[in-house]
Amino acid sequence: MATQQTAKTLFLDVNGSSIAYRLIGNGTDSSPPLLMLNHVRSTIDTWDPEVINNLTATGRQLITYDYTGLGHSSGSIAPSIRGFALNLLAFLHLLLPTLHTQQVDVLGFSMGGYVAQQLVLDAPNVVHKLVLSGTGPSLGPDLQRPMNEVQSTVFNPNPGLPTIEAFFPSFTTGDEGEAWFNRSTNSRSGVAGKNGEPEIALFTTGDELIKLTAAYLSWDADSTPYSLLQTIQKDVLVTSGDNDLVIPTQNSFVLSRQLSRANLVMFPSSGHGHLFQYAQYFTKVVGEFLDGKLPIAPFSAGQIPPLGS
């Protein structure tokens, strides 16, 4: 079975752009694939193998995906999170028929959680269940902004130790951050540049980073997704570290309260990178949620039309 370290890089032509993705693990007819949407500046090469491989061990197929214009994908970087979601939807409309399914479960981490929220608002019929980790709503009441120093660190043109500290505050997580960084940046070293596989694409920088930053920050200026959160009639798992410096923990709590069918799980002595710090337990909780073993709301408010229809 393919792993994060060995899965073949695939490409799909979507509206003239070559979109990179990987299929990892073996799916079953009883569960849709799990689409993995990673954090800002990331690529399909920088997923933590402890998360990816433990999720495939729960018995489902994963789709990892490079956003249009980033990583190994060509094309123009969208100017907004909604643009990211529309590009993703175009990709799914072409990919899902080849997998003989009409829906995906979605795990969105950090900016990936922004894209996941927008996706389910635009195309609720495509999304089965949602996992939203280390993320928050768009512009709305009761939210906290990260410290300017943290925001600047996240978008530093040369990521390094300060970036690790933003994800894993060392005063609570010890050396977990460095271990994550090494796993995530080296997982493809055994296959990169061999047998048609591309070289490793690490964190976005240069002109692409400037465009990406603008799209990322546009989420914080858009009140529409926040105002529509209560219309999302999907089972949702929200997870957070108890001291997230990048997307403050308070915002994950607000997100869970705005979603009528959400569970909230908070991980102790952790920050933005809680899912990597507690990879084995995190993936166990995600698997149980996707398998319907966590409590869910005993009601539904019905269905709504897709946003903009």
Protein backbone atom coordinates (compact mmCIF):
# COMPACT_ATOMS: atom_id res chain seq x y z
CA MET A 1 0.00 0.00 0.00
CA ALA A 2 1.26 3.46 -0.88
CA THR A 3 2.35 5.80 1.89
CA GLN A 4 3.21 9.49 2.14
CA GLN A 5 6.80 8.46 1.43
CA THR A 6 6.06 6.33 -1.65
CA ALA A 7 2.77 7.40 -3.29
CA LYS A 8 2.99 8.31 -6.97
CA THR A 9 2.48 11.95 -7.94
CA LEU A 10 -0.41 12.27 -10.38
CA PHE A 11 -1.56 15.19 -12.50
CA LEU A 12 -4.99 16.22 -13.79
CA ASP A 13 -5.63 18.91 -16.37
CA VAL A 14 -8.20 21.31 -14.94
CA ASN A 15 -9.16 24.33 -17.02
CA GLY A 16 -5.69 24.45 -18.55
CA SER A 17 -3.80 24.01 -15.28
CA SER A 18 -1.91 20.84 -14.36
CA ILE A 19 -3.02 19.95 -10.83
CA ALA A 20 -0.84 17.68 -8.71
CA TYR A 21 -2.35 15.15 -6.34
CA ARG A 22 -1.75 11.75 -4.81
CA LEU A 23 -4.00 8.82 -3.94
CA ILE A 24 -2.77 7.15 -0.76
CA GLY A 25 -4.24 4.05 0.86
CA ASN A 26 -7.00 1.66 -0.13
CA GLY A 27 -10.58 2.85 0.05
CA THR A 28 -13.75 0.88 0.61
CA ASP A 29 -17.21 1.16 -0.88
CA SER A 30 -18.60 2.08 2.55
CA SER A 31 -16.59 5.30 3.01
CA PRO A 32 -15.76 8.13 0.62
CA PRO A 33 -12.16 9.24 0.10
CA LEU A 34 -10.71 11.71 2.57
CA LEU A 35 -9.50 14.90 0.89
CA MET A 36 -6.56 16.48 2.74
CA LEU A 37 -6.21 20.30 2.53
CA ASN A 38 -2.94 21.49 4.05
CA HIS A 39 -1.84 24.73 5.68
CA VAL A 40 -0.73 27.96 4.02
CA ARG A 41 2.66 27.69 2.20
CA SER A 42 2.52 23.87 2.29
CA THR A 43 2.62 21.30 -0.52
CA ILE A 44 1.70 17.65 -0.90
CA ASP A 45 5.36 16.92 -0.11
CA THR A 46 5.20 18.49 3.35
CA TRP A 47 2.38 16.48 4.90
CA ASP A 48 3.51 14.75 8.08
CA PRO A 49 3.77 11.03 7.28
CA GLU A 50 2.65 10.15 10.80
CA VAL A 51 -0.72 11.77 10.09
CA ILE A 52 -1.10 10.51 6.53
CA ASN A 53 -0.04 6.93 7.17
CA ASN A 54 -2.03 6.60 10.39
CA LEU A 55 -5.14 7.84 8.58
CA THR A 56 -4.75 5.27 5.81
CA ALA A 57 -4.44 2.64 8.55
CA THR A 58 -8.03 3.47 9.55
CA GLY A 59 -9.11 1.91 6.24
CA ARG A 60 -9.73 4.82 3.90
CA GLN A 61 -8.21 6.30 0.79
CA LEU A 62 -6.66 9.77 1.05
CA ILE A 63 -6.41 12.44 -1.64
CA THR A 64 -3.62 14.95 -1.10
CA TYR A 65 -3.80 18.00 -3.33
CA ASP A 66 -1.63 20.95 -4.32
CA TYR A 67 -3.65 24.16 -4.64
CA THR A 68 -3.65 25.70 -8.12
CA GLY A 69 -0.41 27.59 -8.72
CA LEU A 70 1.35 26.14 -5.66
CA GLY A 71 3.62 23.17 -5.04
CA HIS A 72 3.67 20.96 -8.13
CA SER A 73 0.46 22.47 -9.59
CA SER A 74 0.61 25.00 -12.38
CA GLY A 75 -1.76 27.90 -13.00
CA SER A 76 -2.52 31.20 -11.35
CA ILE A 77 -2.89 31.55 -7.58
CA ALA A 78 -6.46 32.58 -6.77
CA PRO A 79 -6.86 36.01 -5.15
CA SER A 80 -9.26 34.79 -2.45
CA ILE A 81 -10.20 31.72 -0.43
CA ARG A 82 -13.35 31.41 -2.48
CA GLY A 83 -11.18 31.32 -5.59
CA PHE A 84 -9.18 28.50 -4.01
CA ALA A 85 -12.43 26.62 -3.30
CA LEU A 86 -13.77 27.09 -6.83
CA ASN A 87 -10.52 25.75 -8.30
CA LEU A 88 -10.75 22.78 -5.93
CA LEU A 89 -14.35 22.13 -6.95
CA ALA A 90 -13.40 22.07 -10.63
CA PHE A 91 -10.70 19.51 -9.77
CA LEU A 92 -13.15 17.33 -7.81
CA HIS A 93 -15.72 17.40 -10.61
CA LEU A 94 -13.12 15.75 -12.86
CA LEU A 95 -11.50 13.43 -10.32
CA LEU A 96 -14.45 11.96 -8.40
CA PRO A 97 -16.06 10.15 -11.37
CA THR A 98 -12.77 8.29 -11.90
CA LEU A 99 -12.97 7.13 -8.27
CA HIS A 100 -16.62 6.08 -8.70
CA THR A 101 -17.87 8.39 -5.98
CA GLN A 102 -19.82 11.63 -5.79
CA GLN A 103 -18.60 12.82 -2.39
CA VAL A 104 -15.51 13.23 -0.25
CA ASP A 105 -14.87 13.66 3.42
CA VAL A 106 -12.64 16.70 3.91
CA LEU A 107 -9.89 17.37 6.45
CA GLY A 108 -8.78 21.00 6.34
CA PHE A 109 -5.86 22.18 8.46
CA SER A 110 -5.26 25.90 9.01
CA MET A 111 -5.85 27.64 5.64
CA GLY A 112 -7.09 24.28 4.42
CA GLY A 113 -9.91 24.70 6.93
CA TYR A 114 -10.82 28.02 5.34
CA VAL A 115 -10.99 26.35 1.92
CA ALA A 116 -13.02 23.46 3.35
CA GLN A 117 -15.62 25.83 4.84
CA GLN A 118 -15.95 27.69 1.55
CA LEU A 119 -16.18 24.42 -0.38
CA VAL A 120 -19.07 23.09 1.69
CA LEU A 121 -20.91 26.41 1.36
CA ASP A 122 -20.45 26.45 -2.43
CA ALA A 123 -21.04 22.73 -3.06
CA PRO A 124 -22.65 20.99 -0.08
CA ASN A 125 -23.54 17.93 -2.16
CA VAL A 126 -19.86 17.17 -2.74
CA VAL A 127 -18.93 17.10 0.97
CA HIS A 128 -19.92 14.23 3.25
CA LYS A 129 -18.22 15.05 6.58
CA LEU A 130 -15.78 17.76 7.68
CA VAL A 131 -12.73 17.78 9.94
CA LEU A 132 -11.54 21.34 10.67
CA SER A 133 -8.21 21.46 12.51
CA GLY A 134 -6.33 24.51 13.77
CA THR A 135 -8.64 26.83 11.88
CA GLY A 136 -11.35 29.41 12.39
CA PRO A 137 -14.23 31.29 10.77
CA SER A 138 -13.96 34.32 8.53
CA LEU A 139 -14.72 37.85 9.73
CA GLY A 140 -17.27 37.83 12.54
CA PRO A 141 -17.96 38.43 16.24
CA ASP A 142 -15.91 37.08 19.16
CA LEU A 143 -12.79 36.24 17.14
CA GLN A 144 -9.21 36.97 18.16
CA ARG A 145 -6.40 38.10 15.90
CA PRO A 146 -2.96 36.49 16.19
CA MET A 147 -0.08 38.63 17.41
CA ASN A 148 1.56 40.66 14.64
CA GLU A 149 4.87 38.91 15.38
CA VAL A 150 3.28 35.50 14.82
CA GLN A 151 1.60 36.55 11.58
CA SER A 152 4.90 37.95 10.32
CA THR A 153 6.68 34.73 11.24
CA VAL A 154 4.20 32.59 9.33
CA PHE A 155 4.86 34.60 6.16
CA ASN A 156 8.61 35.06 6.64
CA PRO A 157 10.25 34.53 3.21
CA ASN A 158 12.77 32.18 4.84
CA PRO A 159 10.92 29.75 7.14
CA GLY A 160 12.97 28.16 9.89
CA LEU A 161 13.13 27.97 13.68
CA PRO A 162 10.66 30.85 14.28
CA THR A 163 8.15 29.06 12.01
CA ILE A 164 8.52 25.91 14.07
CA GLU A 165 8.01 27.94 17.25
CA ALA A 166 4.77 29.40 15.85
CA PHE A 167 3.40 25.89 15.24
CA PHE A 168 4.95 24.29 18.34
CA PRO A 169 5.66 26.73 21.22
CA SER A 170 8.68 25.06 22.76
CA PHE A 171 7.77 26.10 26.30
CA THR A 172 4.88 23.62 26.12
CA THR A 173 5.85 21.18 23.35
CA GLY A 174 9.59 20.69 23.89
CA ASP A 175 11.36 19.33 20.80
CA GLU A 176 8.17 18.09 19.11
CA GLY A 177 8.34 20.94 16.60
CA GLU A 178 11.77 20.10 15.25
CA ALA A 179 10.77 16.43 14.93
CA TRP A 180 7.67 17.43 12.93
CA PHE A 181 9.66 19.75 10.67
CA ASN A 182 12.20 17.04 9.88
CA ARG A 183 9.51 14.42 9.18
CA SER A 184 7.50 16.76 6.99
CA THR A 185 10.33 18.12 4.89
CA ASN A 186 12.15 14.81 4.36
CA SER A 187 9.37 12.27 3.88
CA ARG A 188 9.77 12.25 0.06
CA SER A 189 13.57 12.16 0.03
CA GLY A 190 13.64 8.49 -0.93
CA VAL A 191 11.70 8.95 -4.19
CA ALA A 192 12.16 12.62 -5.16
CA GLY A 193 13.76 13.03 -8.59
CA LYS A 194 13.57 9.30 -9.35
CA ASN A 195 11.37 7.31 -11.75
CA GLY A 196 9.50 10.37 -12.92
CA GLU A 197 8.80 11.76 -9.46
CA PRO A 198 9.33 15.53 -9.08
CA GLU A 199 11.90 17.02 -6.75
CA ILE A 200 10.62 18.00 -3.29
CA ALA A 201 8.57 21.22 -3.26
CA LEU A 202 8.92 22.82 0.16
CA PHE A 203 7.34 25.98 1.52
CA THR A 204 6.03 28.63 -0.87
CA THR A 205 8.23 31.72 -1.21
CA GLY A 206 9.01 34.50 -3.69
CA ASP A 207 6.29 36.20 -5.74
CA GLU A 208 3.94 33.28 -5.12
CA LEU A 209 4.14 33.96 -1.39
CA ILE A 210 3.00 37.56 -1.89
CA LYS A 211 -0.07 36.40 -3.84
CA LEU A 212 -0.77 33.64 -1.35
CA THR A 213 -0.57 36.04 1.59
CA ALA A 214 -3.15 38.32 -0.02
CA ALA A 215 -5.56 35.42 -0.56
CA TYR A 216 -5.04 34.12 2.98
CA LEU A 217 -5.69 37.49 4.59
CA SER A 218 -8.79 38.08 2.45
CA TRP A 219 -10.58 35.48 4.58
CA ASP A 220 -10.29 37.75 7.60
CA ALA A 221 -12.06 40.54 5.69
CA ASP A 222 -15.00 38.50 4.36
CA SER A 223 -18.02 38.29 6.67
CA THR A 224 -20.18 36.17 4.34
CA PRO A 225 -18.81 32.68 5.18
CA TYR A 226 -19.12 33.37 8.93
CA SER A 227 -22.72 34.52 8.55
CA LEU A 228 -23.60 31.28 6.71
CA LEU A 229 -21.90 28.78 9.06
CA GLN A 230 -25.17 27.89 10.78
CA THR A 231 -26.59 26.74 7.43
CA ILE A 232 -24.00 23.96 7.14
CA GLN A 233 -25.87 20.73 7.84
CA LYS A 234 -22.91 18.36 8.00
CA ASP A 235 -21.30 16.37 10.79
CA VAL A 236 -18.14 18.29 11.72
CA LEU A 237 -15.16 17.58 13.95
CA VAL A 238 -13.29 20.71 15.08
CA THR A 239 -9.87 20.18 16.70
CA SER A 240 -7.47 22.65 18.27
CA GLY A 241 -4.43 22.94 20.46
CA ASP A 242 -5.08 24.66 23.77
CA ASN A 243 -2.58 27.44 22.94
CA ASP A 244 -2.69 28.05 19.19
CA LEU A 245 -0.65 31.15 18.33
CA VAL A 246 -1.33 31.11 14.57
CA ILE A 247 -5.13 30.82 14.60
CA PRO A 248 -6.07 31.50 18.21
CA THR A 249 -7.81 28.68 20.06
CA GLN A 250 -10.75 30.96 20.79
CA ASN A 251 -11.53 31.00 17.06
CA SER A 252 -11.84 27.22 16.89
CA PHE A 253 -14.31 27.38 19.78
CA VAL A 254 -16.34 30.07 18.00
CA LEU A 255 -16.29 27.96 14.83
CA SER A 256 -17.63 24.91 16.65
CA ARG A 257 -20.42 26.96 18.26
CA GLN A 258 -21.54 28.29 14.89
CA LEU A 259 -21.79 24.79 13.38
CA SER A 260 -24.94 23.04 14.52
CA ARG A 261 -23.54 19.50 14.19
CA ALA A 262 -19.99 19.94 15.45
CA ASN A 263 -17.83 18.14 17.99
CA LEU A 264 -14.91 20.09 19.49
CA VAL A 265 -11.76 18.29 20.69
CA MET A 266 -8.97 20.30 22.32
CA PHE A 267 -5.48 18.86 22.75
CA PRO A 268 -3.43 19.76 25.85
CA SER A 269 -0.03 21.51 25.94
CA SER A 270 -0.14 22.06 22.19
CA GLY A 271 -0.57 24.75 19.57
CA HIS A 272 -1.22 25.03 15.86
CA GLY A 273 0.56 21.73 15.21
CA HIS A 274 -1.55 19.68 17.64
CA LEU A 275 -2.51 17.15 14.96
CA PHE A 276 1.17 16.38 14.36
CA GLN A 277 2.17 16.44 18.01
CA TYR A 278 -0.53 13.89 18.87
CA ALA A 279 -0.63 12.19 15.45
CA GLN A 280 -1.59 8.73 16.67
CA TYR A 281 -4.42 9.91 18.92
CA PHE A 282 -5.56 12.61 16.48
CA THR A 283 -5.92 10.12 13.64
CA LYS A 284 -7.75 7.69 15.92
CA VAL A 285 -10.30 10.40 16.81
CA VAL A 286 -10.69 11.37 13.15
CA GLY A 287 -11.23 7.76 12.15
CA GLU A 288 -13.86 7.25 14.85
CA PHE A 289 -15.62 10.46 13.81
CA LEU A 290 -15.70 9.48 10.14
CA ASP A 291 -16.96 6.02 11.13
CA GLY A 292 -19.87 7.59 13.03
CA LYS A 293 -18.66 6.66 16.51
CA LEU A 294 -18.72 10.17 18.01
CA PRO A 295 -21.90 11.86 19.25
CA ILE A 296 -23.77 13.89 16.67
CA ALA A 297 -26.68 16.29 16.92
CA PRO A 298 -30.01 14.39 16.86
CA PHE A 299 -31.58 16.82 14.40
CA SER A 300 -31.02 18.56 11.12
CA ALA A 301 -32.23 21.96 9.99
CA GLY A 302 -32.68 20.60 6.47
CA GLN A 303 -30.89 21.50 3.27
CA ILE A 304 -29.97 24.82 1.70
CA PRO A 305 -29.07 25.71 -1.87
CA PRO A 306 -25.35 26.20 -2.66
CA LEU A 307 -23.98 29.69 -2.11
CA GLY A 308 -24.58 31.87 -5.15
CA SER A 309 -27.21 29.62 -6.75
